[in-house]
């Protein structure tokens, strides 16, 4: 049995890029401390249904939603440079 892994992106390939996809999947491909700025707008709890399996905001209870956001933002923090910033809009 082989396990598929998504290769890490190079710092050069991330320059001036907008990454679109599952937050944890995309952030997992980014090396630590390489991002200057993250701008994100996660869905509010139970306010939208994008018909996507396992989407953020459709968790069964608010506590699960907050826990999921904490996981995503912990991964975002890992990718940010020491001088990086995250904008939540």
PDB file of N, CA and C in Angstrom:
ATOM      1  N   UNK A   1       0.842  -1.174   0.000  1.00  0.00           N
ATOM      2  CA  UNK A   1       0.000   0.000   0.000  1.00  0.00           C
ATOM      3  C   UNK A   1       0.887   1.237   0.000  1.00  0.00           C
ATOM      4  N   UNK A   2       0.622   2.135  -0.922  1.00  0.00           N
ATOM      5  CA  UNK A   2       1.403   3.372  -0.960  1.00  0.00           C
ATOM      6  C   UNK A   2       0.545   4.527  -0.466  1.00  0.00           C
ATOM      7  N   UNK A   3       1.201   5.446   0.179  1.00  0.00           N
ATOM      8  CA  UNK A   3       0.516   6.628   0.686  1.00  0.00           C
ATOM      9  C   UNK A   3       0.882   7.785  -0.220  1.00  0.00           C
ATOM     10  N   UNK A   4      -0.121   8.435  -0.772  1.00  0.00           N
ATOM     11  CA  UNK A   4       0.132   9.597  -1.628  1.00  0.00           C
ATOM     12  C   UNK A   4       0.350  10.823  -0.766  1.00  0.00           C
ATOM     13  N   UNK A   5       1.381  11.553  -1.077  1.00  0.00           N
ATOM     14  CA  UNK A   5       1.622  12.814  -0.387  1.00  0.00           C
ATOM     15  C   UNK A   5       1.731  13.915  -1.430  1.00  0.00           C
ATOM     16  N   UNK A   6       1.243  15.054  -1.093  1.00  0.00           N
ATOM     17  CA  UNK A   6       1.337  16.196  -1.981  1.00  0.00           C
ATOM     18  C   UNK A   6       2.664  16.876  -1.717  1.00  0.00           C
ATOM     19  N   UNK A   7       3.446  17.106  -2.766  1.00  0.00           N
ATOM     20  CA  UNK A   7       4.762  17.717  -2.543  1.00  0.00           C
ATOM     21  C   UNK A   7       4.642  19.135  -1.999  1.00  0.00           C
ATOM     22  N   UNK A   8       5.652  19.522  -1.228  1.00  0.00           N
ATOM     23  CA  UNK A   8       5.709  20.894  -0.732  1.00  0.00           C
ATOM     24  C   UNK A   8       5.925  21.840  -1.906  1.00  0.00           C
ATOM     25  N   UNK A   9       5.318  22.985  -1.817  1.00  0.00           N
ATOM     26  CA  UNK A   9       5.527  24.025  -2.820  1.00  0.00           C
ATOM     27  C   UNK A   9       6.839  24.738  -2.521  1.00  0.00           C
ATOM     28  N   UNK A  10       7.507  25.211  -3.533  1.00  0.00           N
ATOM     29  CA  UNK A  10       8.731  25.976  -3.300  1.00  0.00           C
ATOM     30  C   UNK A  10       8.353  27.412  -2.968  1.00  0.00           C
ATOM     31  N   UNK A  11       9.242  28.079  -2.264  1.00  0.00           N
ATOM     32  CA  UNK A  11       8.994  29.476  -1.905  1.00  0.00           C
ATOM     33  C   UNK A  11       8.821  30.319  -3.168  1.00  0.00           C
ATOM     34  N   UNK A  12       9.610  30.048  -4.197  1.00  0.00           N
ATOM     35  CA  UNK A  12       9.517  30.811  -5.447  1.00  0.00           C
ATOM     36  C   UNK A  12       8.169  30.599  -6.129  1.00  0.00           C
ATOM     37  N   UNK A  13       7.626  29.383  -6.048  1.00  0.00           N
ATOM     38  CA  UNK A  13       6.350  29.117  -6.713  1.00  0.00           C
ATOM     39  C   UNK A  13       5.172  29.769  -5.997  1.00  0.00           C
ATOM     40  N   UNK A  14       5.392  30.197  -4.761  1.00  0.00           N
ATOM     41  CA  UNK A  14       4.330  30.841  -3.982  1.00  0.00           C
ATOM     42  C   UNK A  14       4.305  32.356  -4.149  1.00  0.00           C
ATOM     43  N   UNK A  15       5.319  32.923  -4.753  1.00  0.00           N
ATOM     44  CA  UNK A  15       5.419  34.371  -4.875  1.00  0.00           C
ATOM     45  C   UNK A  15       4.228  34.927  -5.655  1.00  0.00           C
ATOM     46  N   UNK A  16       3.527  35.885  -5.040  1.00  0.00           N
ATOM     47  CA  UNK A  16       2.397  36.570  -5.666  1.00  0.00           C
ATOM     48  C   UNK A  16       1.333  35.597  -6.178  1.00  0.00           C
ATOM     49  N   UNK A  17       1.009  34.611  -5.365  1.00  0.00           N
ATOM     50  CA  UNK A  17       0.024  33.605  -5.756  1.00  0.00           C
ATOM     51  C   UNK A  17      -1.201  33.672  -4.853  1.00  0.00           C
ATOM     52  N   UNK A  18      -2.319  33.344  -5.434  1.00  0.00           N
ATOM     53  CA  UNK A  18      -3.549  33.141  -4.674  1.00  0.00           C
ATOM     54  C   UNK A  18      -3.803  31.645  -4.683  1.00  0.00           C
ATOM     55  N   UNK A  19      -3.849  31.047  -3.502  1.00  0.00           N
ATOM     56  CA  UNK A  19      -4.102  29.610  -3.386  1.00  0.00           C
ATOM     57  C   UNK A  19      -5.582  29.407  -3.121  1.00  0.00           C
ATOM     58  N   UNK A  20      -6.173  28.532  -3.877  1.00  0.00           N
ATOM     59  CA  UNK A  20      -7.601  28.277  -3.761  1.00  0.00           C
ATOM     60  C   UNK A  20      -7.805  26.779  -3.567  1.00  0.00           C
ATOM     61  N   UNK A  21      -8.447  26.404  -2.497  1.00  0.00           N
ATOM     62  CA  UNK A  21      -8.691  24.993  -2.227  1.00  0.00           C
ATOM     63  C   UNK A  21      -8.986  24.792  -0.763  1.00  0.00           C
ATOM     64  N   UNK A  22      -9.020  23.544  -0.341  1.00  0.00           N
ATOM     65  CA  UNK A  22      -9.227  23.232   1.063  1.00  0.00           C
ATOM     66  C   UNK A  22      -8.066  23.828   1.862  1.00  0.00           C
ATOM     67  N   UNK A  23      -8.394  24.605   2.873  1.00  0.00           N
ATOM     68  CA  UNK A  23      -7.377  25.343   3.629  1.00  0.00           C
ATOM     69  C   UNK A  23      -6.292  24.434   4.195  1.00  0.00           C
ATOM     70  N   UNK A  24      -6.677  23.344   4.844  1.00  0.00           N
ATOM     71  CA  UNK A  24      -5.669  22.472   5.442  1.00  0.00           C
ATOM     72  C   UNK A  24      -4.810  21.790   4.385  1.00  0.00           C
ATOM     73  N   UNK A  25      -5.422  21.399   3.275  1.00  0.00           N
ATOM     74  CA  UNK A  25      -4.654  20.773   2.192  1.00  0.00           C
ATOM     75  C   UNK A  25      -3.640  21.752   1.615  1.00  0.00           C
ATOM     76  N   UNK A  26      -4.094  22.961   1.318  1.00  0.00           N
ATOM     77  CA  UNK A  26      -3.203  23.958   0.712  1.00  0.00           C
ATOM     78  C   UNK A  26      -2.109  24.389   1.679  1.00  0.00           C
ATOM     79  N   UNK A  27      -2.478  24.654   2.925  1.00  0.00           N
ATOM     80  CA  UNK A  27      -1.470  25.071   3.910  1.00  0.00           C
ATOM     81  C   UNK A  27      -0.466  23.957   4.183  1.00  0.00           C
ATOM     82  N   UNK A  28      -0.913  22.717   4.115  1.00  0.00           N
ATOM     83  CA  UNK A  28      -0.032  21.585   4.340  1.00  0.00           C
ATOM     84  C   UNK A  28       1.056  21.454   3.294  1.00  0.00           C
ATOM     85  N   UNK A  29       0.870  22.071   2.147  1.00  0.00           N
ATOM     86  CA  UNK A  29       1.856  22.022   1.067  1.00  0.00           C
ATOM     87  C   UNK A  29       2.888  23.146   1.168  1.00  0.00           C
ATOM     88  N   UNK A  30       2.666  24.057   2.103  1.00  0.00           N
ATOM     89  CA  UNK A  30       3.527  25.236   2.230  1.00  0.00           C
ATOM     90  C   UNK A  30       4.595  24.987   3.295  1.00  0.00           C
ATOM     91  N   UNK A  31       5.857  25.221   2.960  1.00  0.00           N
ATOM     92  CA  UNK A  31       6.905  25.078   3.973  1.00  0.00           C
ATOM     93  C   UNK A  31       6.704  26.081   5.124  1.00  0.00           C
ATOM     94  N   UNK A  32       7.206  25.746   6.278  1.00  0.00           N
ATOM     95  CA  UNK A  32       7.099  26.619   7.452  1.00  0.00           C
ATOM     96  C   UNK A  32       7.804  27.949   7.211  1.00  0.00           C
ATOM     97  N   UNK A  33       7.209  29.001   7.772  1.00  0.00           N
ATOM     98  CA  UNK A  33       7.773  30.350   7.781  1.00  0.00           C
ATOM     99  C   UNK A  33       8.167  30.855   6.390  1.00  0.00           C
ATOM    100  N   UNK A  34       7.242  30.746   5.435  1.00  0.00           N
ATOM    101  CA  UNK A  34       7.531  31.224   4.077  1.00  0.00           C
ATOM    102  C   UNK A  34       6.541  32.273   3.579  1.00  0.00           C
ATOM    103  N   UNK A  35       5.450  32.474   4.279  1.00  0.00           N
ATOM    104  CA  UNK A  35       4.382  33.353   3.792  1.00  0.00           C
ATOM    105  C   UNK A  35       4.450  34.707   4.500  1.00  0.00           C
ATOM    106  N   UNK A  36       4.320  35.778   3.711  1.00  0.00           N
ATOM    107  CA  UNK A  36       4.301  37.129   4.274  1.00  0.00           C
ATOM    108  C   UNK A  36       2.910  37.552   4.722  1.00  0.00           C
ATOM    109  N   UNK A  37       1.886  37.148   3.971  1.00  0.00           N
ATOM    110  CA  UNK A  37       0.539  37.629   4.270  1.00  0.00           C
ATOM    111  C   UNK A  37      -0.505  36.597   3.850  1.00  0.00           C
ATOM    112  N   UNK A  38      -1.450  36.347   4.730  1.00  0.00           N
ATOM    113  CA  UNK A  38      -2.604  35.502   4.435  1.00  0.00           C
ATOM    114  C   UNK A  38      -3.841  36.363   4.621  1.00  0.00           C
ATOM    115  N   UNK A  39      -4.724  36.345   3.637  1.00  0.00           N
ATOM    116  CA  UNK A  39      -6.020  37.019   3.729  1.00  0.00           C
ATOM    117  C   UNK A  39      -7.074  35.941   3.550  1.00  0.00           C
ATOM    118  N   UNK A  40      -7.981  35.831   4.510  1.00  0.00           N
ATOM    119  CA  UNK A  40      -8.985  34.771   4.436  1.00  0.00           C
ATOM    120  C   UNK A  40     -10.316  35.247   4.997  1.00  0.00           C
ATOM    121  N   UNK A  41     -11.356  34.591   4.580  1.00  0.00           N
ATOM    122  CA  UNK A  41     -12.696  34.883   5.063  1.00  0.00           C
ATOM    123  C   UNK A  41     -13.454  33.569   5.194  1.00  0.00           C
ATOM    124  N   UNK A  42     -13.255  32.868   6.315  1.00  0.00           N
ATOM    125  CA  UNK A  42     -13.933  31.578   6.466  1.00  0.00           C
ATOM    126  C   UNK A  42     -15.445  31.757   6.579  1.00  0.00           C
ATOM    127  N   UNK A  43     -16.200  30.771   6.129  1.00  0.00           N
ATOM    128  CA  UNK A  43     -17.662  30.866   6.229  1.00  0.00           C
ATOM    129  C   UNK A  43     -18.111  30.943   7.695  1.00  0.00           C
ATOM    130  N   UNK A  44     -19.170  31.687   7.945  1.00  0.00           N
ATOM    131  CA  UNK A  44     -19.775  31.697   9.271  1.00  0.00           C
ATOM    132  C   UNK A  44     -20.418  30.344   9.536  1.00  0.00           C
ATOM    133  N   UNK A  45     -20.585  30.011  10.796  1.00  0.00           N
ATOM    134  CA  UNK A  45     -21.210  28.743  11.184  1.00  0.00           C
ATOM    135  C   UNK A  45     -22.639  28.649  10.655  1.00  0.00           C
ATOM    136  N   UNK A  46     -22.893  27.637   9.861  1.00  0.00           N
ATOM    137  CA  UNK A  46     -24.223  27.289   9.341  1.00  0.00           C
ATOM    138  C   UNK A  46     -24.900  28.384   8.513  1.00  0.00           C
ATOM    139  N   UNK A  47     -24.139  29.318   7.957  1.00  0.00           N
ATOM    140  CA  UNK A  47     -24.743  30.394   7.175  1.00  0.00           C
ATOM    141  C   UNK A  47     -24.732  30.134   5.677  1.00  0.00           C
ATOM    142  N   UNK A  48     -23.857  29.261   5.196  1.00  0.00           N
ATOM    143  CA  UNK A  48     -23.762  28.972   3.763  1.00  0.00           C
ATOM    144  C   UNK A  48     -23.616  27.479   3.565  1.00  0.00           C
ATOM    145  N   UNK A  49     -24.123  27.010   2.444  1.00  0.00           N
ATOM    146  CA  UNK A  49     -23.907  25.626   2.048  1.00  0.00           C
ATOM    147  C   UNK A  49     -23.423  25.643   0.610  1.00  0.00           C
ATOM    148  N   UNK A  50     -22.155  25.326   0.433  1.00  0.00           N
ATOM    149  CA  UNK A  50     -21.548  25.342  -0.892  1.00  0.00           C
ATOM    150  C   UNK A  50     -21.610  23.974  -1.562  1.00  0.00           C
ATOM    151  N   UNK A  51     -22.401  23.079  -0.962  1.00  0.00           N
ATOM    152  CA  UNK A  51     -22.583  21.735  -1.521  1.00  0.00           C
ATOM    153  C   UNK A  51     -21.263  20.996  -1.663  1.00  0.00           C
ATOM    154  N   UNK A  52     -20.353  21.266  -0.756  1.00  0.00           N
ATOM    155  CA  UNK A  52     -19.053  20.606  -0.776  1.00  0.00           C
ATOM    156  C   UNK A  52     -18.943  19.732   0.471  1.00  0.00           C
ATOM    157  N   UNK A  53     -18.545  18.498   0.260  1.00  0.00           N
ATOM    158  CA  UNK A  53     -18.408  17.578   1.373  1.00  0.00           C
ATOM    159  C   UNK A  53     -17.362  18.096   2.358  1.00  0.00           C
ATOM    160  N   UNK A  54     -17.655  18.036   3.626  1.00  0.00           N
ATOM    161  CA  UNK A  54     -16.712  18.395   4.687  1.00  0.00           C
ATOM    162  C   UNK A  54     -16.297  19.864   4.671  1.00  0.00           C
ATOM    163  N   UNK A  55     -17.191  20.747   4.250  1.00  0.00           N
ATOM    164  CA  UNK A  55     -16.853  22.170   4.174  1.00  0.00           C
ATOM    165  C   UNK A  55     -16.858  22.821   5.553  1.00  0.00           C
ATOM    166  N   UNK A  56     -16.033  23.834   5.695  1.00  0.00           N
ATOM    167  CA  UNK A  56     -15.981  24.610   6.935  1.00  0.00           C
ATOM    168  C   UNK A  56     -17.299  25.369   7.085  1.00  0.00           C
ATOM    169  N   UNK A  57     -17.823  25.378   8.298  1.00  0.00           N
ATOM    170  CA  UNK A  57     -19.054  26.103   8.585  1.00  0.00           C
ATOM    171  C   UNK A  57     -20.286  25.220   8.649  1.00  0.00           C
ATOM    172  N   UNK A  58     -20.148  23.948   8.279  1.00  0.00           N
ATOM    173  CA  UNK A  58     -21.293  23.034   8.306  1.00  0.00           C
ATOM    174  C   UNK A  58     -21.127  21.961   9.379  1.00  0.00           C
ATOM    175  N   UNK A  59     -20.273  22.222  10.352  1.00  0.00           N
ATOM    176  CA  UNK A  59     -20.060  21.273  11.436  1.00  0.00           C
ATOM    177  C   UNK A  59     -21.356  21.099  12.231  1.00  0.00           C
ATOM    178  N   UNK A  60     -21.413  20.047  13.031  1.00  0.00           N
ATOM    179  CA  UNK A  60     -22.651  19.729  13.748  1.00  0.00           C
ATOM    180  C   UNK A  60     -22.940  20.662  14.922  1.00  0.00           C
ATOM    181  N   UNK A  61     -21.902  21.304  15.476  1.00  0.00           N
ATOM    182  CA  UNK A  61     -22.133  22.216  16.602  1.00  0.00           C
ATOM    183  C   UNK A  61     -21.064  23.313  16.592  1.00  0.00           C
ATOM    184  N   UNK A  62     -21.333  24.435  17.251  1.00  0.00           N
ATOM    185  CA  UNK A  62     -20.369  25.531  17.274  1.00  0.00           C
ATOM    186  C   UNK A  62     -18.990  25.130  17.809  1.00  0.00           C
ATOM    187  N   UNK A  63     -18.939  24.251  18.796  1.00  0.00           N
ATOM    188  CA  UNK A  63     -17.648  23.844  19.358  1.00  0.00           C
ATOM    189  C   UNK A  63     -16.787  23.141  18.308  1.00  0.00           C
ATOM    190  N   UNK A  64     -17.405  22.317  17.470  1.00  0.00           N
ATOM    191  CA  UNK A  64     -16.657  21.640  16.395  1.00  0.00           C
ATOM    192  C   UNK A  64     -16.181  22.641  15.351  1.00  0.00           C
ATOM    193  N   UNK A  65     -16.995  23.640  15.082  1.00  0.00           N
ATOM    194  CA  UNK A  65     -16.632  24.695  14.129  1.00  0.00           C
ATOM    195  C   UNK A  65     -15.409  25.464  14.633  1.00  0.00           C
ATOM    196  N   UNK A  66     -15.426  25.858  15.902  1.00  0.00           N
ATOM    197  CA  UNK A  66     -14.313  26.605  16.491  1.00  0.00           C
ATOM    198  C   UNK A  66     -13.052  25.738  16.512  1.00  0.00           C
ATOM    199  N   UNK A  67     -13.196  24.476  16.859  1.00  0.00           N
ATOM    200  CA  UNK A  67     -12.043  23.578  16.883  1.00  0.00           C
ATOM    201  C   UNK A  67     -11.428  23.451  15.490  1.00  0.00           C
ATOM    202  N   UNK A  68     -12.264  23.359  14.485  1.00  0.00           N
ATOM    203  CA  UNK A  68     -11.756  23.255  13.113  1.00  0.00           C
ATOM    204  C   UNK A  68     -11.030  24.526  12.696  1.00  0.00           C
ATOM    205  N   UNK A  69     -11.603  25.679  13.030  1.00  0.00           N
ATOM    206  CA  UNK A  69     -10.926  26.939  12.715  1.00  0.00           C
ATOM    207  C   UNK A  69      -9.590  27.044  13.443  1.00  0.00           C
ATOM    208  N   UNK A  70      -9.543  26.585  14.691  1.00  0.00           N
ATOM    209  CA  UNK A  70      -8.280  26.611  15.440  1.00  0.00           C
ATOM    210  C   UNK A  70      -7.219  25.758  14.745  1.00  0.00           C
ATOM    211  N   UNK A  71      -7.616  24.626  14.233  1.00  0.00           N
ATOM    212  CA  UNK A  71      -6.686  23.749  13.509  1.00  0.00           C
ATOM    213  C   UNK A  71      -6.165  24.442  12.259  1.00  0.00           C
ATOM    214  N   UNK A  72      -7.055  25.066  11.516  1.00  0.00           N
ATOM    215  CA  UNK A  72      -6.666  25.763  10.284  1.00  0.00           C
ATOM    216  C   UNK A  72      -5.746  26.937  10.599  1.00  0.00           C
ATOM    217  N   UNK A  73      -6.097  27.731  11.606  1.00  0.00           N
ATOM    218  CA  UNK A  73      -5.282  28.902  11.921  1.00  0.00           C
ATOM    219  C   UNK A  73      -3.947  28.521  12.554  1.00  0.00           C
ATOM    220  N   UNK A  74      -3.870  27.399  13.236  1.00  0.00           N
ATOM    221  CA  UNK A  74      -2.578  26.913  13.739  1.00  0.00           C
ATOM    222  C   UNK A  74      -1.663  26.572  12.573  1.00  0.00           C
ATOM    223  N   UNK A  75      -2.219  25.951  11.551  1.00  0.00           N
ATOM    224  CA  UNK A  75      -1.435  25.622  10.359  1.00  0.00           C
ATOM    225  C   UNK A  75      -1.046  26.897   9.611  1.00  0.00           C
ATOM    226  N   UNK A  76      -1.944  27.859   9.556  1.00  0.00           N
ATOM    227  CA  UNK A  76      -1.623  29.139   8.918  1.00  0.00           C
ATOM    228  C   UNK A  76      -0.464  29.805   9.654  1.00  0.00           C
ATOM    229  N   UNK A  77      -0.495  29.781  10.960  1.00  0.00           N
ATOM    230  CA  UNK A  77       0.579  30.389  11.765  1.00  0.00           C
ATOM    231  C   UNK A  77       1.922  29.731  11.470  1.00  0.00           C
ATOM    232  N   UNK A  78       1.910  28.419  11.286  1.00  0.00           N
ATOM    233  CA  UNK A  78       3.145  27.696  10.977  1.00  0.00           C
ATOM    234  C   UNK A  78       3.766  28.193   9.677  1.00  0.00           C
ATOM    235  N   UNK A  79       2.942  28.551   8.708  1.00  0.00           N
ATOM    236  CA  UNK A  79       3.448  28.954   7.399  1.00  0.00           C
ATOM    237  C   UNK A  79       3.894  30.409   7.346  1.00  0.00           C
ATOM    238  N   UNK A  80       3.430  31.218   8.290  1.00  0.00           N
ATOM    239  CA  UNK A  80       3.782  32.634   8.271  1.00  0.00           C
ATOM    240  C   UNK A  80       5.213  32.878   8.724  1.00  0.00           C
ATOM    241  N   UNK A  81       5.869  33.821   8.058  1.00  0.00           N
ATOM    242  CA  UNK A  81       7.175  34.278   8.521  1.00  0.00           C
ATOM    243  C   UNK A  81       6.997  34.956   9.878  1.00  0.00           C
ATOM    244  N   UNK A  82       8.078  35.139  10.595  1.00  0.00           N
ATOM    245  CA  UNK A  82       8.015  35.823  11.892  1.00  0.00           C
ATOM    246  C   UNK A  82       7.389  37.213  11.740  1.00  0.00           C
ATOM    247  N   UNK A  83       7.628  37.850  10.617  1.00  0.00           N
ATOM    248  CA  UNK A  83       7.100  39.185  10.367  1.00  0.00           C
ATOM    249  C   UNK A  83       5.800  39.151   9.551  1.00  0.00           C
ATOM    250  N   UNK A  84       5.251  37.949   9.331  1.00  0.00           N
ATOM    251  CA  UNK A  84       4.040  37.806   8.525  1.00  0.00           C
ATOM    252  C   UNK A  84       2.786  38.252   9.247  1.00  0.00           C
ATOM    253  N   UNK A  85       1.723  38.421   8.481  1.00  0.00           N
ATOM    254  CA  UNK A  85       0.446  38.824   9.070  1.00  0.00           C
ATOM    255  C   UNK A  85      -0.693  38.030   8.442  1.00  0.00           C
ATOM    256  N   UNK A  86      -1.751  37.876   9.219  1.00  0.00           N
ATOM    257  CA  UNK A  86      -2.953  37.204   8.758  1.00  0.00           C
ATOM    258  C   UNK A  86      -4.118  38.174   8.901  1.00  0.00           C
ATOM    259  N   UNK A  87      -4.864  38.355   7.812  1.00  0.00           N
ATOM    260  CA  UNK A  87      -6.027  39.236   7.803  1.00  0.00           C
ATOM    261  C   UNK A  87      -7.271  38.381   7.712  1.00  0.00           C
ATOM    262  N   UNK A  88      -8.132  38.529   8.693  1.00  0.00           N
ATOM    263  CA  UNK A  88      -9.398  37.807   8.743  1.00  0.00           C
ATOM    264  C   UNK A  88     -10.500  38.810   8.408  1.00  0.00           C
ATOM    265  N   UNK A  89     -11.125  38.622   7.265  1.00  0.00           N
ATOM    266  CA  UNK A  89     -12.140  39.581   6.816  1.00  0.00           C
ATOM    267  C   UNK A  89     -13.511  38.958   6.722  1.00  0.00           C
TER     268      UNK A  89
END
